[in-house]
């Protein structure tokens, strides 16, 4: 130990970045960064999928109500609305 002191500045608005992987030393730290990035991407895909659903239903003059979503989810044999939103976004890429 050389006695250097480090000031750690935190922010509630800060999110992980893939560039952080270049700076960390341990595999555990890299794994945590990847985990956070995957979670952020998942959330982003779900939101974009929701937007795709909303726009498609709006074009078809159908209100986005839970009953419509349940019918679509059931007809596609998905278990959750989130899966529908995620699948739509991944297919839209």
Protein backbone atom coordinates (compact mmCIF):
# COMPACT_ATOMS: atom_id res chain seq x y z
CA UNK A 1 0.00 0.00 0.00
CA UNK A 2 1.33 3.41 -0.93
CA UNK A 3 -1.11 5.47 1.11
CA UNK A 4 -2.88 7.10 -1.84
CA UNK A 5 -6.41 8.23 -1.15
CA UNK A 6 -9.21 8.04 -3.66
CA UNK A 7 -12.40 10.05 -3.60
CA UNK A 8 -15.40 8.10 -4.87
CA UNK A 9 -18.11 10.29 -6.33
CA UNK A 10 -21.53 8.68 -6.64
CA UNK A 11 -24.66 9.67 -8.48
CA UNK A 12 -28.15 8.22 -8.45
CA UNK A 13 -28.43 9.03 -12.16
CA UNK A 14 -25.24 7.23 -13.20
CA UNK A 15 -25.58 4.07 -15.26
CA UNK A 16 -23.00 1.50 -16.27
CA UNK A 17 -21.14 1.81 -19.55
CA UNK A 18 -19.42 -0.90 -21.57
CA UNK A 19 -16.26 1.20 -21.54
CA UNK A 20 -16.01 0.55 -17.80
CA UNK A 21 -14.98 -3.05 -18.57
CA UNK A 22 -11.62 -1.73 -19.82
CA UNK A 23 -10.80 -0.23 -16.44
CA UNK A 24 -11.72 -3.02 -14.03
CA UNK A 25 -9.27 -5.68 -13.02
CA UNK A 26 -11.29 -8.59 -11.71
CA UNK A 27 -13.59 -10.90 -13.62
CA UNK A 28 -16.19 -10.43 -10.91
CA UNK A 29 -16.29 -6.69 -11.58
CA UNK A 30 -16.55 -7.29 -15.35
CA UNK A 31 -19.38 -9.76 -14.77
CA UNK A 32 -21.29 -7.24 -12.63
CA UNK A 33 -20.88 -4.54 -15.27
CA UNK A 34 -22.16 -6.91 -17.97
CA UNK A 35 -25.08 -7.90 -15.73
CA UNK A 36 -26.10 -4.26 -15.23
CA UNK A 37 -25.75 -3.50 -18.96
CA UNK A 38 -27.90 -6.53 -19.86
CA UNK A 39 -30.56 -5.38 -17.40
CA UNK A 40 -30.49 -1.87 -18.90
CA UNK A 41 -30.82 -3.29 -22.42
CA UNK A 42 -33.69 -5.53 -21.32
CA UNK A 43 -35.55 -2.55 -19.85
CA UNK A 44 -34.91 -0.54 -23.00
CA UNK A 45 -36.13 -3.37 -25.24
CA UNK A 46 -39.30 -3.79 -23.18
CA UNK A 47 -40.05 -0.06 -23.47
CA UNK A 48 -39.41 -0.06 -27.21
CA UNK A 49 -41.57 -3.18 -27.59
CA UNK A 50 -44.36 -1.42 -25.72
CA UNK A 51 -44.05 1.51 -28.13
CA UNK A 52 -44.26 -0.87 -31.10
CA UNK A 53 -47.42 -2.43 -29.66
CA UNK A 54 -48.95 0.99 -28.97
CA UNK A 55 -48.24 2.27 -32.49
CA UNK A 56 -49.53 -0.89 -34.17
CA UNK A 57 -52.75 -0.83 -32.17
CA UNK A 58 -53.19 2.89 -32.81
CA UNK A 59 -52.86 2.32 -36.57
CA UNK A 60 -55.50 -0.42 -36.26
CA UNK A 61 -57.70 1.94 -34.19
CA UNK A 62 -57.57 -0.38 -31.19
CA UNK A 63 -57.18 1.02 -27.69
CA UNK A 64 -54.29 -0.42 -25.70
CA UNK A 65 -56.18 -2.02 -22.86
CA UNK A 66 -55.05 -4.96 -20.74
CA UNK A 67 -57.64 -7.28 -22.34
CA UNK A 68 -56.16 -6.73 -25.82
CA UNK A 69 -52.65 -7.37 -24.55
CA UNK A 70 -53.75 -10.55 -22.76
CA UNK A 71 -55.39 -11.84 -25.96
CA UNK A 72 -52.27 -11.10 -28.02
CA UNK A 73 -49.97 -12.67 -25.41
CA UNK A 74 -52.19 -15.77 -25.24
CA UNK A 75 -52.43 -16.11 -29.02
CA UNK A 76 -48.64 -16.01 -29.31
CA UNK A 77 -48.36 -18.54 -26.46
CA UNK A 78 -46.19 -16.24 -24.37
CA UNK A 79 -46.35 -16.23 -20.60
CA UNK A 80 -45.94 -12.52 -19.92
CA UNK A 81 -46.63 -9.18 -21.54
CA UNK A 82 -42.95 -8.37 -21.03
CA UNK A 83 -42.02 -11.32 -23.25
CA UNK A 84 -44.24 -9.91 -25.99
CA UNK A 85 -42.65 -6.50 -25.75
CA UNK A 86 -39.15 -7.99 -25.71
CA UNK A 87 -39.84 -10.30 -28.67
CA UNK A 88 -41.26 -7.42 -30.70
CA UNK A 89 -38.22 -5.26 -30.07
CA UNK A 90 -35.78 -8.05 -30.85
CA UNK A 91 -37.65 -8.82 -34.08
CA UNK A 92 -37.71 -5.14 -34.97
CA UNK A 93 -33.90 -4.74 -34.79
